[in-house]
Amino acid sequence: ASLIKQICDREQLLLAVAESVSVGHLQSLLAATPGAST
């Protein structure tokens, strides 16, 4: 998640998640990254 954040920040990319079977776990992993709101 930290590496994804670095790449997204550098490339000015925004990310969103649609979950069914993983019921929010993926969102939780991304949101746990310091500075995730960027």
PDB file of all heavy atoms in Angstrom:
ATOM      1  N   ALA A   1       0.827  -1.207   0.000  1.00  0.00           N
ATOM      2  CA  ALA A   1       0.000   0.000   0.000  1.00  0.00           C
ATOM      3  C   ALA A   1       0.862   1.258   0.000  1.00  0.00           C
ATOM      4  O   ALA A   1       0.533   2.242  -0.678  1.00  0.00           O
ATOM      5  CB  ALA A   1      -0.949  -0.018   1.194  1.00  0.00           C
ATOM      6  N   SER A   2       1.966   1.237   0.716  1.00  0.00           N
ATOM      7  CA  SER A   2       2.867   2.390   0.761  1.00  0.00           C
ATOM      8  C   SER A   2       3.491   2.654  -0.608  1.00  0.00           C
ATOM      9  O   SER A   2       3.594   3.809  -1.044  1.00  0.00           O
ATOM     10  CB  SER A   2       3.963   2.150   1.806  1.00  0.00           C
ATOM     11  OG  SER A   2       4.839   3.239   1.853  1.00  0.00           O
ATOM     12  N   LEU A   3       3.891   1.597  -1.304  1.00  0.00           N
ATOM     13  CA  LEU A   3       4.458   1.763  -2.642  1.00  0.00           C
ATOM     14  C   LEU A   3       3.401   2.265  -3.619  1.00  0.00           C
ATOM     15  O   LEU A   3       3.673   3.139  -4.456  1.00  0.00           O
ATOM     16  CB  LEU A   3       5.067   0.453  -3.137  1.00  0.00           C
ATOM     17  CG  LEU A   3       5.791   0.529  -4.482  1.00  0.00           C
ATOM     18  CD1 LEU A   3       6.893   1.591  -4.472  1.00  0.00           C
ATOM     19  CD2 LEU A   3       6.384  -0.814  -4.833  1.00  0.00           C
ATOM     20  N   ILE A   4       2.183   1.753  -3.511  1.00  0.00           N
ATOM     21  CA  ILE A   4       1.084   2.234  -4.355  1.00  0.00           C
ATOM     22  C   ILE A   4       0.870   3.722  -4.117  1.00  0.00           C
ATOM     23  O   ILE A   4       0.709   4.503  -5.056  1.00  0.00           O
ATOM     24  CB  ILE A   4      -0.202   1.411  -4.086  1.00  0.00           C
ATOM     25  CG1 ILE A   4      -0.027  -0.017  -4.602  1.00  0.00           C
ATOM     26  CG2 ILE A   4      -1.418   2.089  -4.713  1.00  0.00           C
ATOM     27  CD1 ILE A   4      -1.048  -1.002  -4.071  1.00  0.00           C
ATOM     28  N   LYS A   5       0.886   4.147  -2.858  1.00  0.00           N
ATOM     29  CA  LYS A   5       0.737   5.560  -2.527  1.00  0.00           C
ATOM     30  C   LYS A   5       1.845   6.389  -3.172  1.00  0.00           C
ATOM     31  O   LYS A   5       1.580   7.434  -3.777  1.00  0.00           O
ATOM     32  CB  LYS A   5       0.748   5.779  -1.016  1.00  0.00           C
ATOM     33  CG  LYS A   5       0.650   7.257  -0.627  1.00  0.00           C
ATOM     34  CD  LYS A   5       1.085   7.494   0.803  1.00  0.00           C
ATOM     35  CE  LYS A   5       0.994   8.929   1.237  1.00  0.00           C
ATOM     36  NZ  LYS A   5       1.567   9.929   0.357  1.00  0.00           N
ATOM     37  N   GLN A   6       3.087   5.940  -3.059  1.00  0.00           N
ATOM     38  CA  GLN A   6       4.218   6.679  -3.648  1.00  0.00           C
ATOM     39  C   GLN A   6       4.031   6.863  -5.154  1.00  0.00           C
ATOM     40  O   GLN A   6       4.243   7.956  -5.683  1.00  0.00           O
ATOM     41  CB  GLN A   6       5.532   5.945  -3.381  1.00  0.00           C
ATOM     42  CG  GLN A   6       5.995   5.973  -1.948  1.00  0.00           C
ATOM     43  CD  GLN A   6       7.230   5.112  -1.752  1.00  0.00           C
ATOM     44  OE1 GLN A   6       8.051   4.969  -2.650  1.00  0.00           O
ATOM     45  NE2 GLN A   6       7.353   4.510  -0.576  1.00  0.00           N
ATOM     46  N   ILE A   7       3.649   5.792  -5.828  1.00  0.00           N
ATOM     47  CA  ILE A   7       3.466   5.868  -7.284  1.00  0.00           C
ATOM     48  C   ILE A   7       2.290   6.778  -7.622  1.00  0.00           C
ATOM     49  O   ILE A   7       2.394   7.632  -8.514  1.00  0.00           O
ATOM     50  CB  ILE A   7       3.291   4.463  -7.887  1.00  0.00           C
ATOM     51  CG1 ILE A   7       4.585   3.651  -7.720  1.00  0.00           C
ATOM     52  CG2 ILE A   7       2.884   4.555  -9.358  1.00  0.00           C
ATOM     53  CD1 ILE A   7       4.454   2.175  -8.044  1.00  0.00           C
ATOM     54  N   CYS A   8       1.178   6.610  -6.927  1.00  0.00           N
ATOM     55  CA  CYS A   8       0.009   7.458  -7.192  1.00  0.00           C
ATOM     56  C   CYS A   8       0.332   8.933  -6.943  1.00  0.00           C
ATOM     57  O   CYS A   8      -0.044   9.792  -7.752  1.00  0.00           O
ATOM     58  CB  CYS A   8      -1.176   7.033  -6.330  1.00  0.00           C
ATOM     59  SG  CYS A   8      -2.003   5.538  -6.900  1.00  0.00           S
ATOM     60  N   ASP A   9       1.019   9.216  -5.863  1.00  0.00           N
ATOM     61  CA  ASP A   9       1.385  10.606  -5.567  1.00  0.00           C
ATOM     62  C   ASP A   9       2.299  11.169  -6.655  1.00  0.00           C
ATOM     63  O   ASP A   9       2.092  12.286  -7.139  1.00  0.00           O
ATOM     64  CB  ASP A   9       2.062  10.715  -4.203  1.00  0.00           C
ATOM     65  CG  ASP A   9       1.103  10.557  -3.038  1.00  0.00           C
ATOM     66  OD1 ASP A   9      -0.135  10.546  -3.256  1.00  0.00           O
ATOM     67  OD2 ASP A   9       1.596  10.429  -1.894  1.00  0.00           O
ATOM     68  N   ARG A  10       3.291  10.408  -7.054  1.00  0.00           N
ATOM     69  CA  ARG A  10       4.232  10.863  -8.084  1.00  0.00           C
ATOM     70  C   ARG A  10       3.537  11.085  -9.421  1.00  0.00           C
ATOM     71  O   ARG A  10       3.787  12.076 -10.111  1.00  0.00           O
ATOM     72  CB  ARG A  10       5.363   9.842  -8.247  1.00  0.00           C
ATOM     73  CG  ARG A  10       6.439  10.305  -9.245  1.00  0.00           C
ATOM     74  CD  ARG A  10       7.458   9.230  -9.542  1.00  0.00           C
ATOM     75  NE  ARG A  10       6.830   8.183 -10.333  1.00  0.00           N
ATOM     76  CZ  ARG A  10       7.071   6.882 -10.186  1.00  0.00           C
ATOM     77  NH1 ARG A  10       7.904   6.439  -9.278  1.00  0.00           N
ATOM     78  NH2 ARG A  10       6.455   6.001 -10.960  1.00  0.00           N
ATOM     79  N   GLU A  11       2.626  10.180  -9.781  1.00  0.00           N
ATOM     80  CA  GLU A  11       1.950  10.238 -11.079  1.00  0.00           C
ATOM     81  C   GLU A  11       0.639  11.031 -11.022  1.00  0.00           C
ATOM     82  O   GLU A  11      -0.043  11.153 -12.034  1.00  0.00           O
ATOM     83  CB  GLU A  11       1.660   8.816 -11.588  1.00  0.00           C
ATOM     84  CG  GLU A  11       2.898   7.964 -11.780  1.00  0.00           C
ATOM     85  CD  GLU A  11       3.812   8.476 -12.884  1.00  0.00           C
ATOM     86  OE1 GLU A  11       3.306   9.006 -13.901  1.00  0.00           O
ATOM     87  OE2 GLU A  11       5.046   8.344 -12.718  1.00  0.00           O
ATOM     88  N   GLN A  12       0.305  11.525  -9.847  1.00  0.00           N
ATOM     89  CA  GLN A  12      -0.942  12.277  -9.620  1.00  0.00           C
ATOM     90  C   GLN A  12      -2.171  11.451 -10.026  1.00  0.00           C
ATOM     91  O   GLN A  12      -3.036  11.914 -10.773  1.00  0.00           O
ATOM     92  CB  GLN A  12      -0.912  13.624 -10.335  1.00  0.00           C
ATOM     93  CG  GLN A  12       0.211  14.507  -9.833  1.00  0.00           C
ATOM     94  CD  GLN A  12       0.250  15.861 -10.501  1.00  0.00           C
ATOM     95  OE1 GLN A  12      -0.126  16.011 -11.663  1.00  0.00           O
ATOM     96  NE2 GLN A  12       0.684  16.858  -9.759  1.00  0.00           N
ATOM     97  N   LEU A  13      -2.210  10.243  -9.498  1.00  0.00           N
ATOM     98  CA  LEU A  13      -3.305   9.321  -9.763  1.00  0.00           C
ATOM     99  C   LEU A  13      -4.170   9.167  -8.524  1.00  0.00           C
ATOM    100  O   LEU A  13      -3.663   9.195  -7.399  1.00  0.00           O
ATOM    101  CB  LEU A  13      -2.756   7.943 -10.153  1.00  0.00           C
ATOM    102  CG  LEU A  13      -1.894   7.889 -11.407  1.00  0.00           C
ATOM    103  CD1 LEU A  13      -1.199   6.542 -11.514  1.00  0.00           C
ATOM    104  CD2 LEU A  13      -2.733   8.181 -12.636  1.00  0.00           C
ATOM    105  N   LEU A  14      -5.460   8.997  -8.753  1.00  0.00           N
ATOM    106  CA  LEU A  14      -6.401   8.732  -7.672  1.00  0.00           C
ATOM    107  C   LEU A  14      -6.980   7.337  -7.850  1.00  0.00           C
ATOM    108  O   LEU A  14      -7.150   6.858  -8.976  1.00  0.00           O
ATOM    109  CB  LEU A  14      -7.515   9.774  -7.672  1.00  0.00           C
ATOM    110  CG  LEU A  14      -7.065  11.224  -7.483  1.00  0.00           C
ATOM    111  CD1 LEU A  14      -8.247  12.171  -7.635  1.00  0.00           C
ATOM    112  CD2 LEU A  14      -6.369  11.407  -6.147  1.00  0.00           C
ATOM    113  N   LEU A  15      -7.319   6.713  -6.740  1.00  0.00           N
ATOM    114  CA  LEU A  15      -7.717   5.309  -6.717  1.00  0.00           C
ATOM    115  C   LEU A  15      -8.997   5.140  -5.905  1.00  0.00           C
ATOM    116  O   LEU A  15      -9.188   5.828  -4.897  1.00  0.00           O
ATOM    117  CB  LEU A  15      -6.582   4.516  -6.059  1.00  0.00           C
ATOM    118  CG  LEU A  15      -6.751   3.046  -5.802  1.00  0.00           C
ATOM    119  CD1 LEU A  15      -6.400   2.276  -7.070  1.00  0.00           C
ATOM    120  CD2 LEU A  15      -5.836   2.606  -4.682  1.00  0.00           C
ATOM    121  N   ALA A  16      -9.866   4.215  -6.347  1.00  0.00           N
ATOM    122  CA  ALA A  16     -11.055   3.830  -5.591  1.00  0.00           C
ATOM    123  C   ALA A  16     -11.244   2.320  -5.714  1.00  0.00           C
ATOM    124  O   ALA A  16     -10.710   1.684  -6.633  1.00  0.00           O
ATOM    125  CB  ALA A  16     -12.288   4.568  -6.086  1.00  0.00           C
ATOM    126  N   VAL A  17     -12.015   1.758  -4.799  1.00  0.00           N
ATOM    127  CA  VAL A  17     -12.165   0.313  -4.695  1.00  0.00           C
ATOM    128  C   VAL A  17     -13.650  -0.072  -4.671  1.00  0.00           C
ATOM    129  O   VAL A  17     -14.444   0.579  -3.994  1.00  0.00           O
ATOM    130  CB  VAL A  17     -11.488  -0.197  -3.400  1.00  0.00           C
ATOM    131  CG1 VAL A  17     -11.744  -1.667  -3.191  1.00  0.00           C
ATOM    132  CG2 VAL A  17      -9.998   0.096  -3.427  1.00  0.00           C
ATOM    133  N   ALA A  18     -13.986  -1.144  -5.398  1.00  0.00           N
ATOM    134  CA  ALA A  18     -15.316  -1.748  -5.327  1.00  0.00           C
ATOM    135  C   ALA A  18     -15.132  -3.173  -4.823  1.00  0.00           C
ATOM    136  O   ALA A  18     -14.437  -3.965  -5.452  1.00  0.00           O
ATOM    137  CB  ALA A  18     -15.982  -1.754  -6.700  1.00  0.00           C
ATOM    138  N   GLU A  19     -15.728  -3.466  -3.691  1.00  0.00           N
ATOM    139  CA  GLU A  19     -15.548  -4.784  -3.093  1.00  0.00           C
ATOM    140  C   GLU A  19     -16.878  -5.491  -2.929  1.00  0.00           C
ATOM    141  O   GLU A  19     -17.889  -4.876  -2.623  1.00  0.00           O
ATOM    142  CB  GLU A  19     -14.896  -4.665  -1.719  1.00  0.00           C
ATOM    143  CG  GLU A  19     -13.489  -4.118  -1.773  1.00  0.00           C
ATOM    144  CD  GLU A  19     -12.850  -4.062  -0.415  1.00  0.00           C
ATOM    145  OE1 GLU A  19     -12.320  -5.106   0.030  1.00  0.00           O
ATOM    146  OE2 GLU A  19     -12.886  -2.984   0.205  1.00  0.00           O
ATOM    147  N   SER A  20     -16.820  -6.794  -3.094  1.00  0.00           N
ATOM    148  CA  SER A  20     -17.943  -7.648  -2.745  1.00  0.00           C
ATOM    149  C   SER A  20     -17.415  -8.670  -1.746  1.00  0.00           C
ATOM    150  O   SER A  20     -17.512  -8.458  -0.544  1.00  0.00           O
ATOM    151  CB  SER A  20     -18.521  -8.316  -3.990  1.00  0.00           C
ATOM    152  OG  SER A  20     -19.663  -9.070  -3.654  1.00  0.00           O
ATOM    153  N   VAL A  21     -16.745  -9.691  -2.220  1.00  0.00           N
ATOM    154  CA  VAL A  21     -16.278 -10.770  -1.351  1.00  0.00           C
ATOM    155  C   VAL A  21     -15.270 -10.311  -0.301  1.00  0.00           C
ATOM    156  O   VAL A  21     -15.225 -10.850   0.796  1.00  0.00           O
ATOM    157  CB  VAL A  21     -15.697 -11.938  -2.177  1.00  0.00           C
ATOM    158  CG1 VAL A  21     -14.403 -11.536  -2.867  1.00  0.00           C
ATOM    159  CG2 VAL A  21     -15.499 -13.182  -1.326  1.00  0.00           C
ATOM    160  N   SER A  22     -14.492  -9.301  -0.576  1.00  0.00           N
ATOM    161  CA  SER A  22     -13.483  -8.846   0.396  1.00  0.00           C
ATOM    162  C   SER A  22     -14.052  -7.825   1.384  1.00  0.00           C
ATOM    163  O   SER A  22     -13.343  -7.357   2.276  1.00  0.00           O
ATOM    164  CB  SER A  22     -12.238  -8.306  -0.313  1.00  0.00           C
ATOM    165  OG  SER A  22     -12.568  -7.331  -1.270  1.00  0.00           O
ATOM    166  N   VAL A  23     -15.312  -7.496   1.260  1.00  0.00           N
ATOM    167  CA  VAL A  23     -16.138  -6.716   2.196  1.00  0.00           C
ATOM    168  C   VAL A  23     -15.430  -5.608   2.974  1.00  0.00           C
ATOM    169  O   VAL A  23     -15.605  -5.474   4.176  1.00  0.00           O
ATOM    170  CB  VAL A  23     -16.901  -7.638   3.179  1.00  0.00           C
ATOM    171  CG1 VAL A  23     -17.917  -8.476   2.450  1.00  0.00           C
ATOM    172  CG2 VAL A  23     -15.963  -8.502   3.995  1.00  0.00           C
ATOM    173  N   GLY A  24     -14.641  -4.803   2.290  1.00  0.00           N
ATOM    174  CA  GLY A  24     -14.014  -3.657   2.942  1.00  0.00           C
ATOM    175  C   GLY A  24     -12.583  -3.878   3.392  1.00  0.00           C
ATOM    176  O   GLY A  24     -11.909  -2.920   3.783  1.00  0.00           O
ATOM    177  N   HIS A  25     -12.104  -5.097   3.337  1.00  0.00           N
ATOM    178  CA  HIS A  25     -10.727  -5.362   3.777  1.00  0.00           C
ATOM    179  C   HIS A  25      -9.701  -4.642   2.901  1.00  0.00           C
ATOM    180  O   HIS A  25      -8.698  -4.138   3.410  1.00  0.00           O
ATOM    181  CB  HIS A  25     -10.436  -6.865   3.806  1.00  0.00           C
ATOM    182  CG  HIS A  25     -11.158  -7.602   4.884  1.00  0.00           C
ATOM    183  ND1 HIS A  25     -10.830  -7.506   6.214  1.00  0.00           N
ATOM    184  CD2 HIS A  25     -12.215  -8.450   4.824  1.00  0.00           C
ATOM    185  CE1 HIS A  25     -11.637  -8.259   6.932  1.00  0.00           C
ATOM    186  NE2 HIS A  25     -12.498  -8.849   6.106  1.00  0.00           N
ATOM    187  N   LEU A  26      -9.937  -4.586   1.599  1.00  0.00           N
ATOM    188  CA  LEU A  26      -9.016  -3.895   0.700  1.00  0.00           C
ATOM    189  C   LEU A  26      -9.015  -2.392   0.992  1.00  0.00           C
ATOM    190  O   LEU A  26      -7.954  -1.763   1.054  1.00  0.00           O
ATOM    191  CB  LEU A  26      -9.386  -4.176  -0.755  1.00  0.00           C
ATOM    192  CG  LEU A  26      -8.486  -3.584  -1.840  1.00  0.00           C
ATOM    193  CD1 LEU A  26      -7.019  -3.922  -1.615  1.00  0.00           C
ATOM    194  CD2 LEU A  26      -8.944  -4.080  -3.206  1.00  0.00           C
ATOM    195  N   GLN A  27     -10.191  -1.823   1.197  1.00  0.00           N
ATOM    196  CA  GLN A  27     -10.273  -0.407   1.560  1.00  0.00           C
ATOM    197  C   GLN A  27      -9.519  -0.146   2.854  1.00  0.00           C
ATOM    198  O   GLN A  27      -8.814   0.862   2.988  1.00  0.00           O
ATOM    199  CB  GLN A  27     -11.729   0.019   1.721  1.00  0.00           C
ATOM    200  CG  GLN A  27     -12.511  -0.032   0.415  1.00  0.00           C
ATOM    201  CD  GLN A  27     -13.972   0.221   0.652  1.00  0.00           C
ATOM    202  OE1 GLN A  27     -14.343   1.325   0.995  1.00  0.00           O
ATOM    203  NE2 GLN A  27     -14.800  -0.798   0.464  1.00  0.00           N
ATOM    204  N   SER A  28      -9.657  -1.038   3.803  1.00  0.00           N
ATOM    205  CA  SER A  28      -8.989  -0.886   5.091  1.00  0.00           C
ATOM    206  C   SER A  28      -7.465  -0.905   4.935  1.00  0.00           C
ATOM    207  O   SER A  28      -6.760  -0.106   5.567  1.00  0.00           O
ATOM    208  CB  SER A  28      -9.436  -2.004   6.042  1.00  0.00           C
ATOM    209  OG  SER A  28      -8.807  -1.886   7.283  1.00  0.00           O
ATOM    210  N   LEU A  29      -6.956  -1.795   4.099  1.00  0.00           N
ATOM    211  CA  LEU A  29      -5.506  -1.862   3.869  1.00  0.00           C
ATOM    212  C   LEU A  29      -4.983  -0.565   3.250  1.00  0.00           C
ATOM    213  O   LEU A  29      -3.942  -0.052   3.649  1.00  0.00           O
ATOM    214  CB  LEU A  29      -5.163  -3.051   2.967  1.00  0.00           C
ATOM    215  CG  LEU A  29      -5.359  -4.438   3.575  1.00  0.00           C
ATOM    216  CD1 LEU A  29      -5.239  -5.510   2.496  1.00  0.00           C
ATOM    217  CD2 LEU A  29      -4.369  -4.677   4.703  1.00  0.00           C
ATOM    218  N   LEU A  30      -5.711  -0.042   2.274  1.00  0.00           N
ATOM    219  CA  LEU A  30      -5.284   1.211   1.639  1.00  0.00           C
ATOM    220  C   LEU A  30      -5.385   2.387   2.600  1.00  0.00           C
ATOM    221  O   LEU A  30      -4.486   3.225   2.674  1.00  0.00           O
ATOM    222  CB  LEU A  30      -6.102   1.459   0.374  1.00  0.00           C
ATOM    223  CG  LEU A  30      -5.801   0.516  -0.783  1.00  0.00           C
ATOM    224  CD1 LEU A  30      -6.898   0.585  -1.836  1.00  0.00           C
ATOM    225  CD2 LEU A  30      -4.437   0.806  -1.380  1.00  0.00           C
ATOM    226  N   ALA A  31      -6.472   2.437   3.355  1.00  0.00           N
ATOM    227  CA  ALA A  31      -6.692   3.552   4.281  1.00  0.00           C
ATOM    228  C   ALA A  31      -5.717   3.531   5.456  1.00  0.00           C
ATOM    229  O   ALA A  31      -5.488   4.568   6.086  1.00  0.00           O
ATOM    230  CB  ALA A  31      -8.129   3.540   4.783  1.00  0.00           C
ATOM    231  N   ALA A  32      -5.131   2.388   5.751  1.00  0.00           N
ATOM    232  CA  ALA A  32      -4.157   2.288   6.846  1.00  0.00           C
ATOM    233  C   ALA A  32      -2.813   2.915   6.491  1.00  0.00           C
ATOM    234  O   ALA A  32      -1.971   3.129   7.357  1.00  0.00           O
ATOM    235  CB  ALA A  32      -3.964   0.824   7.233  1.00  0.00           C
ATOM    236  N   THR A  33      -2.611   3.229   5.230  1.00  0.00           N
ATOM    237  CA  THR A  33      -1.369   3.829   4.775  1.00  0.00           C
ATOM    238  C   THR A  33      -1.299   5.285   5.234  1.00  0.00           C
ATOM    239  O   THR A  33      -2.228   6.051   4.975  1.00  0.00           O
ATOM    240  CB  THR A  33      -1.297   3.790   3.228  1.00  0.00           C
ATOM    241  OG1 THR A  33      -1.510   2.459   2.802  1.00  0.00           O
ATOM    242  CG2 THR A  33       0.038   4.290   2.722  1.00  0.00           C
ATOM    243  N   PRO A  34      -0.226   5.690   5.913  1.00  0.00           N
ATOM    244  CA  PRO A  34      -0.111   7.098   6.309  1.00  0.00           C
ATOM    245  C   PRO A  34      -0.229   8.019   5.088  1.00  0.00           C
ATOM    246  O   PRO A  34       0.395   7.777   4.057  1.00  0.00           O
ATOM    247  CB  PRO A  34       1.286   7.183   6.936  1.00  0.00           C
ATOM    248  CG  PRO A  34       1.556   5.782   7.411  1.00  0.00           C
ATOM    249  CD  PRO A  34       0.903   4.889   6.400  1.00  0.00           C
ATOM    250  N   GLY A  35      -1.072   9.024   5.189  1.00  0.00           N
ATOM    251  CA  GLY A  35      -1.278   9.965   4.088  1.00  0.00           C
ATOM    252  C   GLY A  35      -2.158   9.423   2.976  1.00  0.00           C
ATOM    253  O   GLY A  35      -2.135   9.939   1.858  1.00  0.00           O
ATOM    254  N   ALA A  36      -2.967   8.418   3.270  1.00  0.00           N
ATOM    255  CA  ALA A  36      -3.787   7.756   2.249  1.00  0.00           C
ATOM    256  C   ALA A  36      -4.709   8.720   1.510  1.00  0.00           C
ATOM    257  O   ALA A  36      -5.035   8.493   0.341  1.00  0.00           O
ATOM    258  CB  ALA A  36      -4.607   6.633   2.867  1.00  0.00           C
ATOM    259  N   SER A  37      -5.106   9.784   2.153  1.00  0.00           N
ATOM    260  CA  SER A  37      -6.063  10.702   1.511  1.00  0.00           C
ATOM    261  C   SER A  37      -5.481  11.414   0.291  1.00  0.00           C
ATOM    262  O   SER A  37      -6.228  11.984  -0.497  1.00  0.00           O
ATOM    263  CB  SER A  37      -6.568  11.736   2.513  1.00  0.00           C
ATOM    264  OG  SER A  37      -5.503  12.549   2.964  1.00  0.00           O
ATOM    265  N   THR A  38      -4.176  11.325   0.085  1.00  0.00           N
ATOM    266  CA  THR A  38      -3.586  11.951  -1.106  1.00  0.00           C
ATOM    267  C   THR A  38      -3.859  11.163  -2.378  1.00  0.00           C
ATOM    268  O   THR A  38      -3.771  11.706  -3.475  1.00  0.00           O
ATOM    269  CB  THR A  38      -2.058  12.129  -0.968  1.00  0.00           C
ATOM    270  OG1 THR A  38      -1.439  10.842  -0.869  1.00  0.00           O
ATOM    271  CG2 THR A  38      -1.708  13.003   0.232  1.00  0.00           C
TER     272      THR A  38
END
